[in-house]
């Protein structure tokens, strides 16, 4: 479990295609400082398992399902990624409950800078819009954000200077693909209501 509070921007060192999967090596001095084999690290919002450690880098295997559903399929050496270590049970829940299970990808439809923040509109798959609520939570590339507005085809979020500076979202451009994870509570509520029908 994660919180969507990115603590480090890492860098992809290498990507090794393995047929129906890929092996990523990521440089992450902070995340590797106390990591062990089998630990979970969210990479652009995707929960990956540490399969190897070497100094300040870790290795993770990415299966076909993950490659098909996330932007990690386009990862290449030199790509910057948002990183978050798994939440400790004794830690603060600074963002919201994030599983690291990406529901779909969207793309940046527009970027509107203002004096003290930037508004980003993200085109989302229509089937996800029912789970998104104004002033609710959404995870975009592993970053916990508050939804400003939503319609059937898109949502907007406002990014403060800290988010623009400390995460990869500050370098995103129109057309870029981003990972989306909706609030898990919405999925469970829908499932429970279906069971009662």
C-alpha atoms as a PDB file:
ATOM      1  CA  UNK A   1       0.000   0.000   0.000  1.00  0.00           C
ATOM      2  CA  UNK A   2       1.159   3.514  -0.849  1.00  0.00           C
ATOM      3  CA  UNK A   3      -0.002   7.075  -0.212  1.00  0.00           C
ATOM      4  CA  UNK A   4       0.736   8.855  -3.477  1.00  0.00           C
ATOM      5  CA  UNK A   5       3.339  11.092  -1.846  1.00  0.00           C
ATOM      6  CA  UNK A   6       6.358  10.840  -4.129  1.00  0.00           C
ATOM      7  CA  UNK A   7       9.626  10.944  -2.201  1.00  0.00           C
ATOM      8  CA  UNK A   8      12.101  10.564  -5.046  1.00  0.00           C
ATOM      9  CA  UNK A   9      12.503  10.933  -8.779  1.00  0.00           C
ATOM     10  CA  UNK A  10      14.480   7.996 -10.063  1.00  0.00           C
ATOM     11  CA  UNK A  11      15.979   7.272 -13.453  1.00  0.00           C
ATOM     12  CA  UNK A  12      15.602   4.208 -15.647  1.00  0.00           C
ATOM     13  CA  UNK A  13      19.095   2.811 -16.231  1.00  0.00           C
ATOM     14  CA  UNK A  14      18.095   0.039 -18.621  1.00  0.00           C
ATOM     15  CA  UNK A  15      15.145  -1.867 -20.032  1.00  0.00           C
ATOM     16  CA  UNK A  16      15.617  -5.474 -21.125  1.00  0.00           C
ATOM     17  CA  UNK A  17      12.707  -6.877 -23.185  1.00  0.00           C
ATOM     18  CA  UNK A  18      12.017 -10.515 -22.276  1.00  0.00           C
ATOM     19  CA  UNK A  19       9.334 -11.489 -24.776  1.00  0.00           C
ATOM     20  CA  UNK A  20       6.156 -11.246 -22.744  1.00  0.00           C
ATOM     21  CA  UNK A  21       7.785  -9.164 -19.997  1.00  0.00           C
ATOM     22  CA  UNK A  22      10.589  -6.706 -19.378  1.00  0.00           C
ATOM     23  CA  UNK A  23      13.260  -6.185 -16.749  1.00  0.00           C
ATOM     24  CA  UNK A  24      13.847  -2.634 -15.523  1.00  0.00           C
ATOM     25  CA  UNK A  25      16.891  -1.343 -13.703  1.00  0.00           C
ATOM     26  CA  UNK A  26      16.177   1.936 -11.897  1.00  0.00           C
ATOM     27  CA  UNK A  27      18.583   4.257 -10.111  1.00  0.00           C
ATOM     28  CA  UNK A  28      16.984   5.262  -6.817  1.00  0.00           C
ATOM     29  CA  UNK A  29      19.366   6.230  -3.986  1.00  0.00           C
ATOM     30  CA  UNK A  30      16.610   6.928  -1.456  1.00  0.00           C
ATOM     31  CA  UNK A  31      14.359   3.980  -2.288  1.00  0.00           C
ATOM     32  CA  UNK A  32      17.265   1.529  -2.237  1.00  0.00           C
ATOM     33  CA  UNK A  33      18.714   2.885   1.018  1.00  0.00           C
ATOM     34  CA  UNK A  34      16.562   0.541   3.095  1.00  0.00           C
ATOM     35  CA  UNK A  35      15.094  -1.777   0.444  1.00  0.00           C
ATOM     36  CA  UNK A  36      15.284  -5.547   0.515  1.00  0.00           C
ATOM     37  CA  UNK A  37      14.505  -8.265  -1.985  1.00  0.00           C
ATOM     38  CA  UNK A  38      10.755  -8.681  -2.327  1.00  0.00           C
ATOM     39  CA  UNK A  39       9.943  -5.153  -1.172  1.00  0.00           C
ATOM     40  CA  UNK A  40       7.405  -3.078  -3.100  1.00  0.00           C
ATOM     41  CA  UNK A  41       8.277   0.212  -4.764  1.00  0.00           C
ATOM     42  CA  UNK A  42       5.769   2.231  -6.791  1.00  0.00           C
ATOM     43  CA  UNK A  43       7.255   3.332 -10.114  1.00  0.00           C
ATOM     44  CA  UNK A  44       5.071   5.982 -11.769  1.00  0.00           C
ATOM     45  CA  UNK A  45       2.264   4.557  -9.675  1.00  0.00           C
ATOM     46  CA  UNK A  46       2.898   0.913 -10.609  1.00  0.00           C
ATOM     47  CA  UNK A  47       3.639  -1.406  -7.692  1.00  0.00           C
ATOM     48  CA  UNK A  48       6.778  -3.362  -8.607  1.00  0.00           C
ATOM     49  CA  UNK A  49       8.686  -5.959  -6.611  1.00  0.00           C
ATOM     50  CA  UNK A  50      12.392  -5.516  -5.957  1.00  0.00           C
ATOM     51  CA  UNK A  51      14.030  -8.502  -7.672  1.00  0.00           C
ATOM     52  CA  UNK A  52      17.618  -7.339  -7.311  1.00  0.00           C
ATOM     53  CA  UNK A  53      19.707  -4.655  -5.620  1.00  0.00           C
ATOM     54  CA  UNK A  54      23.063  -3.268  -6.700  1.00  0.00           C
ATOM     55  CA  UNK A  55      24.291  -0.141  -4.947  1.00  0.00           C
ATOM     56  CA  UNK A  56      21.782   2.616  -5.601  1.00  0.00           C
ATOM     57  CA  UNK A  57      19.875   0.665  -8.282  1.00  0.00           C
ATOM     58  CA  UNK A  58      17.144  -1.925  -8.103  1.00  0.00           C
ATOM     59  CA  UNK A  59      15.825  -4.397 -10.644  1.00  0.00           C
ATOM     60  CA  UNK A  60      12.143  -5.176 -11.192  1.00  0.00           C
ATOM     61  CA  UNK A  61      10.347  -7.504 -13.578  1.00  0.00           C
ATOM     62  CA  UNK A  62       7.312  -6.119 -15.393  1.00  0.00           C
ATOM     63  CA  UNK A  63       4.785  -8.665 -16.671  1.00  0.00           C
ATOM     64  CA  UNK A  64       2.787  -8.468 -19.921  1.00  0.00           C
ATOM     65  CA  UNK A  65      -0.409  -7.376 -18.122  1.00  0.00           C
ATOM     66  CA  UNK A  66       1.414  -4.414 -16.581  1.00  0.00           C
ATOM     67  CA  UNK A  67       3.067  -3.480 -19.873  1.00  0.00           C
ATOM     68  CA  UNK A  68      -0.336  -3.567 -21.598  1.00  0.00           C
ATOM     69  CA  UNK A  69      -2.094  -1.399 -19.007  1.00  0.00           C
ATOM     70  CA  UNK A  70       0.547   1.174 -18.045  1.00  0.00           C
ATOM     71  CA  UNK A  71       2.972   3.660 -19.491  1.00  0.00           C
ATOM     72  CA  UNK A  72       5.915   1.476 -18.406  1.00  0.00           C
ATOM     73  CA  UNK A  73       5.747  -0.131 -21.851  1.00  0.00           C
ATOM     74  CA  UNK A  74       7.355   3.069 -23.168  1.00  0.00           C
ATOM     75  CA  UNK A  75      10.064   3.294 -20.482  1.00  0.00           C
ATOM     76  CA  UNK A  76      13.590   3.649 -21.807  1.00  0.00           C
ATOM     77  CA  UNK A  77      17.050   4.342 -20.458  1.00  0.00           C
ATOM     78  CA  UNK A  78      17.170   7.900 -19.160  1.00  0.00           C
ATOM     79  CA  UNK A  79      13.437   8.167 -18.410  1.00  0.00           C
ATOM     80  CA  UNK A  80      12.654   9.858 -15.103  1.00  0.00           C
ATOM     81  CA  UNK A  81      10.101   8.119 -12.894  1.00  0.00           C
ATOM     82  CA  UNK A  82       8.230   8.954  -9.695  1.00  0.00           C
ATOM     83  CA  UNK A  83       9.134   6.615  -6.839  1.00  0.00           C
ATOM     84  CA  UNK A  84       7.480   5.803  -3.531  1.00  0.00           C
ATOM     85  CA  UNK A  85       8.399   3.121  -1.030  1.00  0.00           C
ATOM     86  CA  UNK A  86       5.569   1.097   0.497  1.00  0.00           C
ATOM     87  CA  UNK A  87       3.844   2.799   3.420  1.00  0.00           C
ATOM     88  CA  UNK A  88       4.756   1.747   6.942  1.00  0.00           C
ATOM     89  CA  UNK A  89       1.781   0.902   9.177  1.00  0.00           C
ATOM     90  CA  UNK A  90       3.159   3.427  11.670  1.00  0.00           C
ATOM     91  CA  UNK A  91       3.531   6.187   9.070  1.00  0.00           C
ATOM     92  CA  UNK A  92       1.382   9.162   8.132  1.00  0.00           C
ATOM     93  CA  UNK A  93      -1.189   8.800   5.365  1.00  0.00           C
ATOM     94  CA  UNK A  94      -0.283  12.045   3.648  1.00  0.00           C
ATOM     95  CA  UNK A  95      -2.140  11.456   0.394  1.00  0.00           C
ATOM     96  CA  UNK A  96      -4.788   8.741   0.103  1.00  0.00           C
ATOM     97  CA  UNK A  97      -4.859   4.939  -0.023  1.00  0.00           C
ATOM     98  CA  UNK A  98      -3.035   3.910  -3.189  1.00  0.00           C
ATOM     99  CA  UNK A  99      -2.564   0.288  -4.211  1.00  0.00           C
ATOM    100  CA  UNK A 100      -0.156   0.717  -7.090  1.00  0.00           C
ATOM    101  CA  UNK A 101      -2.639  -1.109  -9.324  1.00  0.00           C
ATOM    102  CA  UNK A 102      -3.057   1.103 -12.385  1.00  0.00           C
ATOM    103  CA  UNK A 103      -6.574   1.031 -13.826  1.00  0.00           C
ATOM    104  CA  UNK A 104      -5.809   2.595 -17.196  1.00  0.00           C
ATOM    105  CA  UNK A 105      -3.766   5.237 -18.919  1.00  0.00           C
ATOM    106  CA  UNK A 106      -4.882   8.676 -19.993  1.00  0.00           C
ATOM    107  CA  UNK A 107      -3.140  11.437 -21.855  1.00  0.00           C
ATOM    108  CA  UNK A 108      -2.541  15.077 -21.139  1.00  0.00           C
ATOM    109  CA  UNK A 109      -5.028  17.105 -23.166  1.00  0.00           C
ATOM    110  CA  UNK A 110      -4.005  20.577 -22.031  1.00  0.00           C
ATOM    111  CA  UNK A 111      -1.688  22.422 -19.650  1.00  0.00           C
ATOM    112  CA  UNK A 112      -2.721  25.845 -18.358  1.00  0.00           C
ATOM    113  CA  UNK A 113      -0.072  27.611 -16.238  1.00  0.00           C
ATOM    114  CA  UNK A 114      -1.238  30.245 -13.760  1.00  0.00           C
ATOM    115  CA  UNK A 115       0.773  32.479 -11.427  1.00  0.00           C
ATOM    116  CA  UNK A 116       0.907  30.043  -8.497  1.00  0.00           C
ATOM    117  CA  UNK A 117      -0.241  26.710  -9.939  1.00  0.00           C
ATOM    118  CA  UNK A 118      -0.769  24.823 -13.185  1.00  0.00           C
ATOM    119  CA  UNK A 119      -4.020  23.216 -14.265  1.00  0.00           C
ATOM    120  CA  UNK A 120      -3.698  19.998 -16.251  1.00  0.00           C
ATOM    121  CA  UNK A 121      -6.595  18.425 -18.126  1.00  0.00           C
ATOM    122  CA  UNK A 122      -6.258  14.683 -18.657  1.00  0.00           C
ATOM    123  CA  UNK A 123      -8.295  12.727 -21.171  1.00  0.00           C
ATOM    124  CA  UNK A 124      -9.500   9.533 -19.496  1.00  0.00           C
ATOM    125  CA  UNK A 125     -11.271   6.388 -20.719  1.00  0.00           C
ATOM    126  CA  UNK A 126     -15.041   6.882 -20.516  1.00  0.00           C
ATOM    127  CA  UNK A 127     -15.538   3.790 -18.343  1.00  0.00           C
ATOM    128  CA  UNK A 128     -13.401   5.357 -15.579  1.00  0.00           C
ATOM    129  CA  UNK A 129     -15.279   8.645 -15.296  1.00  0.00           C
ATOM    130  CA  UNK A 130     -18.014   7.183 -13.062  1.00  0.00           C
ATOM    131  CA  UNK A 131     -15.395   6.473 -10.381  1.00  0.00           C
ATOM    132  CA  UNK A 132     -14.005  10.011 -10.352  1.00  0.00           C
ATOM    133  CA  UNK A 133     -15.602  12.687  -8.163  1.00  0.00           C
ATOM    134  CA  UNK A 134     -15.012  16.411  -7.965  1.00  0.00           C
ATOM    135  CA  UNK A 135     -12.795  17.064  -4.916  1.00  0.00           C
ATOM    136  CA  UNK A 136     -12.137  13.317  -4.714  1.00  0.00           C
ATOM    137  CA  UNK A 137      -8.738  11.644  -5.012  1.00  0.00           C
ATOM    138  CA  UNK A 138      -6.975  10.304  -8.097  1.00  0.00           C
ATOM    139  CA  UNK A 139      -3.457   8.959  -8.557  1.00  0.00           C
ATOM    140  CA  UNK A 140      -1.638  10.193 -11.658  1.00  0.00           C
ATOM    141  CA  UNK A 141       1.778   8.645 -12.324  1.00  0.00           C
ATOM    142  CA  UNK A 142       1.913   7.725  -8.648  1.00  0.00           C
ATOM    143  CA  UNK A 143       1.038  11.224  -7.386  1.00  0.00           C
ATOM    144  CA  UNK A 144      -1.982  11.635  -5.102  1.00  0.00           C
ATOM    145  CA  UNK A 145      -4.020  14.571  -6.423  1.00  0.00           C
ATOM    146  CA  UNK A 146      -7.384  16.206  -5.808  1.00  0.00           C
ATOM    147  CA  UNK A 147      -9.804  16.279  -8.739  1.00  0.00           C
ATOM    148  CA  UNK A 148     -10.874  19.833  -9.617  1.00  0.00           C
ATOM    149  CA  UNK A 149     -13.462  18.888 -12.247  1.00  0.00           C
ATOM    150  CA  UNK A 150     -14.581  15.832 -14.172  1.00  0.00           C
ATOM    151  CA  UNK A 151     -16.778  14.991 -17.152  1.00  0.00           C
ATOM    152  CA  UNK A 152     -17.299  11.842 -19.211  1.00  0.00           C
ATOM    153  CA  UNK A 153     -14.055  12.265 -21.122  1.00  0.00           C
ATOM    154  CA  UNK A 154     -11.611  14.132 -18.909  1.00  0.00           C
ATOM    155  CA  UNK A 155     -10.638  15.460 -15.505  1.00  0.00           C
ATOM    156  CA  UNK A 156      -8.603  18.389 -14.297  1.00  0.00           C
ATOM    157  CA  UNK A 157      -6.128  18.697 -11.441  1.00  0.00           C
ATOM    158  CA  UNK A 158      -4.198  21.704 -10.119  1.00  0.00           C
ATOM    159  CA  UNK A 159      -0.492  21.281  -9.482  1.00  0.00           C
ATOM    160  CA  UNK A 160       1.278  23.452  -6.935  1.00  0.00           C
ATOM    161  CA  UNK A 161       4.932  24.448  -7.436  1.00  0.00           C
ATOM    162  CA  UNK A 162       6.141  21.694  -5.070  1.00  0.00           C
ATOM    163  CA  UNK A 163       4.430  18.999  -7.153  1.00  0.00           C
ATOM    164  CA  UNK A 164       5.734  20.505 -10.388  1.00  0.00           C
ATOM    165  CA  UNK A 165       9.261  20.584  -8.966  1.00  0.00           C
ATOM    166  CA  UNK A 166       9.417  17.298  -7.045  1.00  0.00           C
ATOM    167  CA  UNK A 167       7.630  14.943  -9.480  1.00  0.00           C
ATOM    168  CA  UNK A 168       7.821  14.183 -13.175  1.00  0.00           C
ATOM    169  CA  UNK A 169       4.474  15.925 -13.738  1.00  0.00           C
ATOM    170  CA  UNK A 170       6.291  19.253 -14.031  1.00  0.00           C
ATOM    171  CA  UNK A 171       8.014  18.050 -17.209  1.00  0.00           C
ATOM    172  CA  UNK A 172       4.961  16.502 -18.853  1.00  0.00           C
ATOM    173  CA  UNK A 173       3.734  17.843 -22.191  1.00  0.00           C
ATOM    174  CA  UNK A 174       0.443  17.739 -24.060  1.00  0.00           C
ATOM    175  CA  UNK A 175      -0.048  14.254 -25.497  1.00  0.00           C
ATOM    176  CA  UNK A 176       2.055  12.469 -22.874  1.00  0.00           C
ATOM    177  CA  UNK A 177       0.586   9.245 -21.513  1.00  0.00           C
ATOM    178  CA  UNK A 178       0.055   8.991 -17.741  1.00  0.00           C
ATOM    179  CA  UNK A 179      -0.937   6.156 -15.409  1.00  0.00           C
ATOM    180  CA  UNK A 180      -4.291   6.465 -13.630  1.00  0.00           C
ATOM    181  CA  UNK A 181      -5.434   4.744 -10.463  1.00  0.00           C
ATOM    182  CA  UNK A 182      -8.892   5.602  -9.198  1.00  0.00           C
ATOM    183  CA  UNK A 183      -9.739   5.649  -5.522  1.00  0.00           C
ATOM    184  CA  UNK A 184     -10.060   2.005  -4.425  1.00  0.00           C
ATOM    185  CA  UNK A 185     -13.006   2.886  -2.169  1.00  0.00           C
ATOM    186  CA  UNK A 186     -15.107   3.734  -5.257  1.00  0.00           C
ATOM    187  CA  UNK A 187     -14.466   0.288  -6.724  1.00  0.00           C
ATOM    188  CA  UNK A 188     -15.453  -1.494  -3.538  1.00  0.00           C
ATOM    189  CA  UNK A 189     -18.614   0.578  -3.104  1.00  0.00           C
ATOM    190  CA  UNK A 190     -19.691  -0.299  -6.649  1.00  0.00           C
ATOM    191  CA  UNK A 191     -18.960  -3.988  -6.062  1.00  0.00           C
ATOM    192  CA  UNK A 192     -20.955  -4.056  -2.814  1.00  0.00           C
ATOM    193  CA  UNK A 193     -23.916  -2.296  -4.414  1.00  0.00           C
ATOM    194  CA  UNK A 194     -23.893  -4.796  -7.302  1.00  0.00           C
ATOM    195  CA  UNK A 195     -23.945  -7.675  -4.817  1.00  0.00           C
ATOM    196  CA  UNK A 196     -27.053  -6.232  -3.126  1.00  0.00           C
ATOM    197  CA  UNK A 197     -29.024  -6.012  -6.384  1.00  0.00           C
END
